[in-house]
Amino acid sequence: YTVWLDHNQADSARVTAYKLYIWNGYLFSRPDTVELM
């Protein structure tokens, strides 16, 4: 999540980090929240 918020990171790095943040933290435990996230 820190990488996702870091404006100095490349677009690809930020998007990949946020994808993994959602995938590892919410996708299979709280899928109802993913639509909004």
All heavy atoms as atom14 arrays in JSON, in Angstrom:
{
  "sequence": "YTVWLDHNQADSARVTAYKLYIWNGYLFSRPDTVELM",
  "atom14_mask": [
    [1, 1, 1, 1, 1, 1, 1, 1, 1, 1, 1, 1, 0, 0],
    [1, 1, 1, 1, 1, 1, 1, 0, 0, 0, 0, 0, 0, 0],
    [1, 1, 1, 1, 1, 1, 1, 0, 0, 0, 0, 0, 0, 0],
    [1, 1, 1, 1, 1, 1, 1, 1, 1, 1, 1, 1, 1, 1],
    [1, 1, 1, 1, 1, 1, 1, 1, 0, 0, 0, 0, 0, 0],
    [1, 1, 1, 1, 1, 1, 1, 1, 0, 0, 0, 0, 0, 0],
    [1, 1, 1, 1, 1, 1, 1, 1, 1, 1, 0, 0, 0, 0],
    [1, 1, 1, 1, 1, 1, 1, 1, 0, 0, 0, 0, 0, 0],
    [1, 1, 1, 1, 1, 1, 1, 1, 1, 0, 0, 0, 0, 0],
    [1, 1, 1, 1, 1, 0, 0, 0, 0, 0, 0, 0, 0, 0],
    [1, 1, 1, 1, 1, 1, 1, 1, 0, 0, 0, 0, 0, 0],
    [1, 1, 1, 1, 1, 1, 0, 0, 0, 0, 0, 0, 0, 0],
    [1, 1, 1, 1, 1, 0, 0, 0, 0, 0, 0, 0, 0, 0],
    [1, 1, 1, 1, 1, 1, 1, 1, 1, 1, 1, 0, 0, 0],
    [1, 1, 1, 1, 1, 1, 1, 0, 0, 0, 0, 0, 0, 0],
    [1, 1, 1, 1, 1, 1, 1, 0, 0, 0, 0, 0, 0, 0],
    [1, 1, 1, 1, 1, 0, 0, 0, 0, 0, 0, 0, 0, 0],
    [1, 1, 1, 1, 1, 1, 1, 1, 1, 1, 1, 1, 0, 0],
    [1, 1, 1, 1, 1, 1, 1, 1, 1, 0, 0, 0, 0, 0],
    [1, 1, 1, 1, 1, 1, 1, 1, 0, 0, 0, 0, 0, 0],
    [1, 1, 1, 1, 1, 1, 1, 1, 1, 1, 1, 1, 0, 0],
    [1, 1, 1, 1, 1, 1, 1, 1, 0, 0, 0, 0, 0, 0],
    [1, 1, 1, 1, 1, 1, 1, 1, 1, 1, 1, 1, 1, 1],
    [1, 1, 1, 1, 1, 1, 1, 1, 0, 0, 0, 0, 0, 0],
    [1, 1, 1, 1, 0, 0, 0, 0, 0, 0, 0, 0, 0, 0],
    [1, 1, 1, 1, 1, 1, 1, 1, 1, 1, 1, 1, 0, 0],
    [1, 1, 1, 1, 1, 1, 1, 1, 0, 0, 0, 0, 0, 0],
    [1, 1, 1, 1, 1, 1, 1, 1, 1, 1, 1, 0, 0, 0],
    [1, 1, 1, 1, 1, 1, 0, 0, 0, 0, 0, 0, 0, 0],
    [1, 1, 1, 1, 1, 1, 1, 1, 1, 1, 1, 0, 0, 0],
    [1, 1, 1, 1, 1, 1, 1, 0, 0, 0, 0, 0, 0, 0],
    [1, 1, 1, 1, 1, 1, 1, 1, 0, 0, 0, 0, 0, 0],
    [1, 1, 1, 1, 1, 1, 1, 0, 0, 0, 0, 0, 0, 0],
    [1, 1, 1, 1, 1, 1, 1, 0, 0, 0, 0, 0, 0, 0],
    [1, 1, 1, 1, 1, 1, 1, 1, 1, 0, 0, 0, 0, 0],
    [1, 1, 1, 1, 1, 1, 1, 1, 0, 0, 0, 0, 0, 0],
    [1, 1, 1, 1, 1, 1, 1, 1, 0, 0, 0, 0, 0, 0]
  ],
  "atom14_positions": [
    [[0.83, -1.21, 0.0], [0.0, 0.0, 0.0], [0.87, 1.25, 0.0], [0.51, 2.27, -0.62], [-0.93, 0.01, 1.21], [-2.04, 1.02, 1.09], [-3.04, 0.87, 0.12], [-2.11, 2.12, 1.93], [-4.06, 1.8, 0.0], [-3.13, 3.05, 1.82], [-4.1, 2.88, 0.86], [-5.11, 3.81, 0.73], [0.0, 0.0, 0.0], [0.0, 0.0, 0.0]],
    [[2.04, 1.18, 0.64], [2.97, 2.31, 0.65], [3.47, 2.61, -0.75], [3.58, 3.77, -1.16], [4.16, 2.02, 1.59], [3.67, 1.84, 2.92], [5.16, 3.16, 1.57], [0.0, 0.0, 0.0], [0.0, 0.0, 0.0], [0.0, 0.0, 0.0], [0.0, 0.0, 0.0], [0.0, 0.0, 0.0], [0.0, 0.0, 0.0], [0.0, 0.0, 0.0]],
    [[3.78, 1.55, -1.52], [4.22, 1.73, -2.91], [3.1, 2.36, -3.74], [3.34, 3.26, -4.55], [4.65, 0.38, -3.53], [4.93, 0.54, -5.03], [5.87, -0.17, -2.82], [0.0, 0.0, 0.0], [0.0, 0.0, 0.0], [0.0, 0.0, 0.0], [0.0, 0.0, 0.0], [0.0, 0.0, 0.0], [0.0, 0.0, 0.0], [0.0, 0.0, 0.0]],
    [[1.88, 1.92, -3.53], [0.73, 2.46, -4.25], [0.57, 3.97, -4.02], [0.24, 4.73, -4.93], [-0.54, 1.72, -3.83], [-1.84, 2.37, -4.17], [-2.77, 2.82, -3.28], [-2.39, 2.63, -5.47], [-3.85, 3.35, -3.94], [-3.64, 3.25, -5.3], [-1.92, 2.42, -6.77], [-4.44, 3.65, -6.36], [-2.73, 2.81, -7.84], [-3.96, 3.41, -7.63]],
    [[0.87, 4.42, -2.82], [0.71, 5.83, -2.47], [1.91, 6.69, -2.87], [1.82, 7.91, -2.83], [0.48, 5.97, -0.96], [-0.81, 5.36, -0.41], [-0.86, 5.53, 1.11], [-2.04, 5.99, -1.05], [0.0, 0.0, 0.0], [0.0, 0.0, 0.0], [0.0, 0.0, 0.0], [0.0, 0.0, 0.0], [0.0, 0.0, 0.0], [0.0, 0.0, 0.0]],
    [[3.01, 6.04, -3.23], [4.26, 6.75, -3.52], [4.24, 7.32, -4.95], [4.38, 6.6, -5.93], [5.44, 5.8, -3.35], [6.78, 6.5, -3.46], [6.81, 7.7, -3.8], [7.82, 5.83, -3.22], [0.0, 0.0, 0.0], [0.0, 0.0, 0.0], [0.0, 0.0, 0.0], [0.0, 0.0, 0.0], [0.0, 0.0, 0.0], [0.0, 0.0, 0.0]],
    [[4.11, 8.63, -5.06], [4.03, 9.29, -6.37], [5.36, 9.26, -7.12], [5.4, 9.6, -8.32], [3.56, 10.74, -6.19], [2.16, 10.84, -5.68], [1.05, 10.83, -6.51], [1.68, 10.94, -4.41], [-0.05, 10.93, -5.78], [0.3, 10.99, -4.51], [0.0, 0.0, 0.0], [0.0, 0.0, 0.0], [0.0, 0.0, 0.0], [0.0, 0.0, 0.0]],
    [[6.44, 8.9, -6.45], [7.73, 8.82, -7.11], [7.93, 7.49, -7.84], [8.88, 7.35, -8.61], [8.86, 9.02, -6.09], [8.87, 10.42, -5.51], [8.68, 11.4, -6.24], [9.1, 10.53, -4.2], [0.0, 0.0, 0.0], [0.0, 0.0, 0.0], [0.0, 0.0, 0.0], [0.0, 0.0, 0.0], [0.0, 0.0, 0.0], [0.0, 0.0, 0.0]],
    [[7.05, 6.54, -7.57], [7.14, 5.23, -8.23], [6.55, 5.29, -9.63], [5.68, 6.13, -9.93], [6.38, 4.18, -7.41], [6.95, 3.92, -6.03], [8.17, 3.02, -6.06], [8.5, 2.41, -7.08], [8.88, 2.94, -4.94], [0.0, 0.0, 0.0], [0.0, 0.0, 0.0], [0.0, 0.0, 0.0], [0.0, 0.0, 0.0], [0.0, 0.0, 0.0]],
    [[7.01, 4.41, -10.52], [6.46, 4.33, -11.88], [5.03, 3.85, -11.83], [4.61, 3.16, -10.88], [7.31, 3.37, -12.73], [0.0, 0.0, 0.0], [0.0, 0.0, 0.0], [0.0, 0.0, 0.0], [0.0, 0.0, 0.0], [0.0, 0.0, 0.0], [0.0, 0.0, 0.0], [0.0, 0.0, 0.0], [0.0, 0.0, 0.0], [0.0, 0.0, 0.0]],
    [[4.26, 4.21, -12.86], [2.86, 3.8, -12.92], [2.72, 2.29, -12.79], [1.85, 1.8, -12.05], [2.23, 4.25, -14.25], [2.04, 5.75, -14.34], [1.89, 6.39, -13.28], [2.03, 6.28, -15.46], [0.0, 0.0, 0.0], [0.0, 0.0, 0.0], [0.0, 0.0, 0.0], [0.0, 0.0, 0.0], [0.0, 0.0, 0.0], [0.0, 0.0, 0.0]],
    [[3.56, 1.55, -13.51], [3.45, 0.08, -13.49], [3.7, -0.47, -12.1], [3.01, -1.41, -11.66], [4.45, -0.53, -14.48], [5.78, -0.14, -14.16], [0.0, 0.0, 0.0], [0.0, 0.0, 0.0], [0.0, 0.0, 0.0], [0.0, 0.0, 0.0], [0.0, 0.0, 0.0], [0.0, 0.0, 0.0], [0.0, 0.0, 0.0], [0.0, 0.0, 0.0]],
    [[4.67, 0.1, -11.38], [4.98, -0.37, -10.04], [3.84, -0.08, -9.08], [3.48, -0.93, -8.24], [6.27, 0.29, -9.53], [0.0, 0.0, 0.0], [0.0, 0.0, 0.0], [0.0, 0.0, 0.0], [0.0, 0.0, 0.0], [0.0, 0.0, 0.0], [0.0, 0.0, 0.0], [0.0, 0.0, 0.0], [0.0, 0.0, 0.0], [0.0, 0.0, 0.0]],
    [[3.25, 1.11, -9.19], [2.16, 1.48, -8.29], [0.92, 0.61, -8.53], [0.31, 0.12, -7.58], [1.8, 2.97, -8.48], [2.9, 3.92, -8.06], [2.47, 5.37, -8.21], [1.4, 5.71, -7.28], [0.78, 6.9, -7.28], [1.11, 7.82, -8.18], [-0.18, 7.15, -6.4], [0.0, 0.0, 0.0], [0.0, 0.0, 0.0], [0.0, 0.0, 0.0]],
    [[0.58, 0.41, -9.79], [-0.6, -0.39, -10.12], [-0.4, -1.84, -9.72], [-1.3, -2.48, -9.16], [-0.93, -0.27, -11.62], [-1.97, -1.31, -12.04], [-1.43, 1.13, -11.94], [0.0, 0.0, 0.0], [0.0, 0.0, 0.0], [0.0, 0.0, 0.0], [0.0, 0.0, 0.0], [0.0, 0.0, 0.0], [0.0, 0.0, 0.0], [0.0, 0.0, 0.0]],
    [[0.79, -2.39, -9.97], [1.07, -3.77, -9.58], [0.98, -3.94, -8.07], [0.43, -4.92, -7.57], [2.46, -4.2, -10.07], [2.49, -4.16, -11.51], [2.79, -5.61, -9.62], [0.0, 0.0, 0.0], [0.0, 0.0, 0.0], [0.0, 0.0, 0.0], [0.0, 0.0, 0.0], [0.0, 0.0, 0.0], [0.0, 0.0, 0.0], [0.0, 0.0, 0.0]],
    [[1.53, -2.97, -7.33], [1.49, -3.04, -5.87], [0.05, -3.01, -5.36], [-0.31, -3.78, -4.45], [2.29, -1.89, -5.27], [0.0, 0.0, 0.0], [0.0, 0.0, 0.0], [0.0, 0.0, 0.0], [0.0, 0.0, 0.0], [0.0, 0.0, 0.0], [0.0, 0.0, 0.0], [0.0, 0.0, 0.0], [0.0, 0.0, 0.0], [0.0, 0.0, 0.0]],
    [[-0.77, -2.15, -5.95], [-2.16, -2.05, -5.49], [-2.95, -3.3, -5.84], [-3.8, -3.77, -5.08], [-2.82, -0.8, -6.08], [-4.15, -0.46, -5.44], [-4.26, -0.27, -4.07], [-5.3, -0.31, -6.23], [-5.48, 0.05, -3.48], [-6.51, 0.01, -5.65], [-6.6, 0.19, -4.28], [-7.81, 0.51, -3.7], [0.0, 0.0, 0.0], [0.0, 0.0, 0.0]],
    [[-2.65, -3.86, -7.02], [-3.29, -5.11, -7.41], [-2.98, -6.21, -6.4], [-3.88, -6.93, -5.94], [-2.82, -5.55, -8.81], [-3.34, -6.91, -9.23], [-2.7, -7.39, -10.53], [-3.14, -8.8, -10.87], [-2.51, -9.3, -12.12], [0.0, 0.0, 0.0], [0.0, 0.0, 0.0], [0.0, 0.0, 0.0], [0.0, 0.0, 0.0], [0.0, 0.0, 0.0]],
    [[-1.7, -6.35, -6.03], [-1.29, -7.37, -5.07], [-1.87, -7.08, -3.69], [-2.2, -8.01, -2.94], [0.23, -7.45, -5.0], [0.91, -8.01, -6.26], [2.43, -7.9, -6.13], [0.51, -9.46, -6.5], [0.0, 0.0, 0.0], [0.0, 0.0, 0.0], [0.0, 0.0, 0.0], [0.0, 0.0, 0.0], [0.0, 0.0, 0.0], [0.0, 0.0, 0.0]],
    [[-1.98, -5.81, -3.34], [-2.58, -5.42, -2.06], [-4.02, -5.91, -1.98], [-4.44, -6.5, -0.98], [-2.51, -3.9, -1.94], [-3.25, -3.33, -0.75], [-2.76, -3.47, 0.54], [-4.45, -2.63, -0.94], [-3.44, -2.94, 1.63], [-5.13, -2.09, 0.14], [-4.63, -2.25, 1.43], [-5.31, -1.72, 2.5], [0.0, 0.0, 0.0], [0.0, 0.0, 0.0]],
    [[-4.78, -5.69, -3.05], [-6.17, -6.15, -3.09], [-6.24, -7.67, -3.15], [-7.01, -8.31, -2.43], [-6.91, -5.53, -4.28], [-7.04, -4.02, -4.1], [-8.29, -6.16, -4.46], [-7.65, -3.29, -5.29], [0.0, 0.0, 0.0], [0.0, 0.0, 0.0], [0.0, 0.0, 0.0], [0.0, 0.0, 0.0], [0.0, 0.0, 0.0], [0.0, 0.0, 0.0]],
    [[-5.41, -8.26, -4.02], [-5.44, -9.72, -4.23], [-5.11, -10.48, -2.94], [-5.81, -11.41, -2.55], [-4.45, -10.1, -5.34], [-4.56, -11.52, -5.78], [-4.07, -12.62, -5.13], [-5.2, -12.01, -6.96], [-4.36, -13.77, -5.85], [-5.05, -13.41, -6.98], [-5.86, -11.39, -8.01], [-5.56, -14.22, -7.99], [-6.36, -12.18, -9.04], [-6.22, -13.58, -9.02]],
    [[-4.03, -10.07, -2.28], [-3.57, -10.79, -1.09], [-4.37, -10.46, 0.16], [-4.47, -11.29, 1.07], [-2.09, -10.49, -0.84], [-1.18, -11.02, -1.93], [-1.51, -11.97, -2.62], [-0.03, -10.37, -2.12], [0.0, 0.0, 0.0], [0.0, 0.0, 0.0], [0.0, 0.0, 0.0], [0.0, 0.0, 0.0], [0.0, 0.0, 0.0], [0.0, 0.0, 0.0]],
    [[-4.93, -9.26, 0.19], [-5.57, -8.82, 1.42], [-7.08, -8.9, 1.45], [-7.68, -9.01, 2.53], [0.0, 0.0, 0.0], [0.0, 0.0, 0.0], [0.0, 0.0, 0.0], [0.0, 0.0, 0.0], [0.0, 0.0, 0.0], [0.0, 0.0, 0.0], [0.0, 0.0, 0.0], [0.0, 0.0, 0.0], [0.0, 0.0, 0.0], [0.0, 0.0, 0.0]],
    [[-7.73, -8.86, 0.27], [-9.18, -8.71, 0.26], [-9.93, -9.62, -0.71], [-11.08, -9.97, -0.46], [-9.55, -7.25, -0.07], [-9.02, -6.27, 0.93], [-7.76, -5.69, 0.77], [-9.76, -5.92, 2.05], [-7.27, -4.78, 1.7], [-9.27, -5.01, 2.99], [-8.03, -4.45, 2.8], [-7.54, -3.57, 3.72], [0.0, 0.0, 0.0], [0.0, 0.0, 0.0]],
    [[-9.31, -9.99, -1.82], [-10.05, -10.6, -2.92], [-10.8, -11.87, -2.53], [-11.94, -12.09, -2.95], [-9.11, -10.88, -4.1], [-9.77, -11.22, -5.43], [-10.78, -10.17, -5.84], [-8.72, -11.37, -6.52], [0.0, 0.0, 0.0], [0.0, 0.0, 0.0], [0.0, 0.0, 0.0], [0.0, 0.0, 0.0], [0.0, 0.0, 0.0], [0.0, 0.0, 0.0]],
    [[-10.18, -12.7, -1.72], [-10.8, -13.98, -1.38], [-11.37, -14.02, 0.04], [-12.07, -14.96, 0.38], [-9.79, -15.11, -1.59], [-9.29, -15.17, -3.01], [-8.09, -14.58, -3.35], [-10.05, -15.76, -4.0], [-7.64, -14.61, -4.67], [-9.61, -15.78, -5.31], [-8.41, -15.21, -5.65], [0.0, 0.0, 0.0], [0.0, 0.0, 0.0], [0.0, 0.0, 0.0]],
    [[-11.06, -13.0, 0.83], [-11.62, -12.93, 2.18], [-12.77, -11.94, 2.27], [-13.73, -12.15, 3.02], [-10.53, -12.57, 3.19], [-9.94, -11.31, 2.87], [0.0, 0.0, 0.0], [0.0, 0.0, 0.0], [0.0, 0.0, 0.0], [0.0, 0.0, 0.0], [0.0, 0.0, 0.0], [0.0, 0.0, 0.0], [0.0, 0.0, 0.0], [0.0, 0.0, 0.0]],
    [[-12.67, -10.87, 1.5], [-13.72, -9.84, 1.5], [-14.0, -9.37, 0.08], [-13.78, -8.2, -0.27], [-13.29, -8.66, 2.39], [-13.11, -9.02, 3.85], [-12.52, -7.87, 4.65], [-13.36, -6.68, 4.58], [-12.98, -5.48, 5.06], [-11.78, -5.35, 5.61], [-13.78, -4.46, 4.98], [0.0, 0.0, 0.0], [0.0, 0.0, 0.0], [0.0, 0.0, 0.0]],
    [[-14.44, -10.27, -0.8], [-14.63, -9.89, -2.21], [-15.66, -8.79, -2.42], [-15.61, -8.07, -3.42], [-15.09, -11.2, -2.86], [-15.66, -12.01, -1.74], [-14.82, -11.66, -0.54], [0.0, 0.0, 0.0], [0.0, 0.0, 0.0], [0.0, 0.0, 0.0], [0.0, 0.0, 0.0], [0.0, 0.0, 0.0], [0.0, 0.0, 0.0], [0.0, 0.0, 0.0]],
    [[-16.57, -8.64, -1.47], [-17.6, -7.61, -1.6], [-17.01, -6.21, -1.56], [-17.63, -5.26, -2.06], [-18.66, -7.77, -0.5], [-18.04, -7.76, 0.89], [-17.08, -8.52, 1.1], [-18.52, -7.01, 1.75], [0.0, 0.0, 0.0], [0.0, 0.0, 0.0], [0.0, 0.0, 0.0], [0.0, 0.0, 0.0], [0.0, 0.0, 0.0], [0.0, 0.0, 0.0]],
    [[-15.82, -6.05, -0.97], [-15.2, -4.74, -0.88], [-14.36, -4.39, -2.11], [-14.01, -3.23, -2.32], [-14.28, -4.65, 0.36], [-13.15, -5.51, 0.17], [-15.03, -5.05, 1.62], [0.0, 0.0, 0.0], [0.0, 0.0, 0.0], [0.0, 0.0, 0.0], [0.0, 0.0, 0.0], [0.0, 0.0, 0.0], [0.0, 0.0, 0.0], [0.0, 0.0, 0.0]],
    [[-14.04, -5.4, -2.92], [-13.11, -5.2, -4.04], [-13.71, -4.32, -5.12], [-13.0, -3.52, -5.74], [-12.67, -6.57, -4.61], [-11.87, -6.38, -5.89], [-11.87, -7.33, -3.58], [0.0, 0.0, 0.0], [0.0, 0.0, 0.0], [0.0, 0.0, 0.0], [0.0, 0.0, 0.0], [0.0, 0.0, 0.0], [0.0, 0.0, 0.0], [0.0, 0.0, 0.0]],
    [[-15.01, -4.45, -5.36], [-15.66, -3.64, -6.39], [-15.39, -2.16, -6.16], [-15.05, -1.42, -7.09], [-17.17, -3.9, -6.38], [-17.92, -3.33, -7.57], [-18.04, -4.31, -8.72], [-17.87, -5.51, -8.5], [-18.3, -3.84, -9.85], [0.0, 0.0, 0.0], [0.0, 0.0, 0.0], [0.0, 0.0, 0.0], [0.0, 0.0, 0.0], [0.0, 0.0, 0.0]],
    [[-15.5, -1.73, -4.92], [-15.28, -0.32, -4.59], [-13.78, 0.01, -4.59], [-13.37, 1.06, -5.11], [-15.88, -0.01, -3.22], [-15.77, 1.44, -2.75], [-16.48, 2.38, -3.75], [-16.38, 1.6, -1.37], [0.0, 0.0, 0.0], [0.0, 0.0, 0.0], [0.0, 0.0, 0.0], [0.0, 0.0, 0.0], [0.0, 0.0, 0.0], [0.0, 0.0, 0.0]],
    [[-12.96, -0.87, -4.02], [-11.52, -0.61, -3.95], [-10.91, -0.46, -5.33], [-10.03, 0.37, -5.55], [-10.82, -1.74, -3.2], [-11.19, -1.84, -1.72], [-10.37, -3.25, -0.91], [-8.66, -2.7, -0.91], [0.0, 0.0, 0.0], [0.0, 0.0, 0.0], [0.0, 0.0, 0.0], [0.0, 0.0, 0.0], [0.0, 0.0, 0.0], [0.0, 0.0, 0.0]]
  ]
}
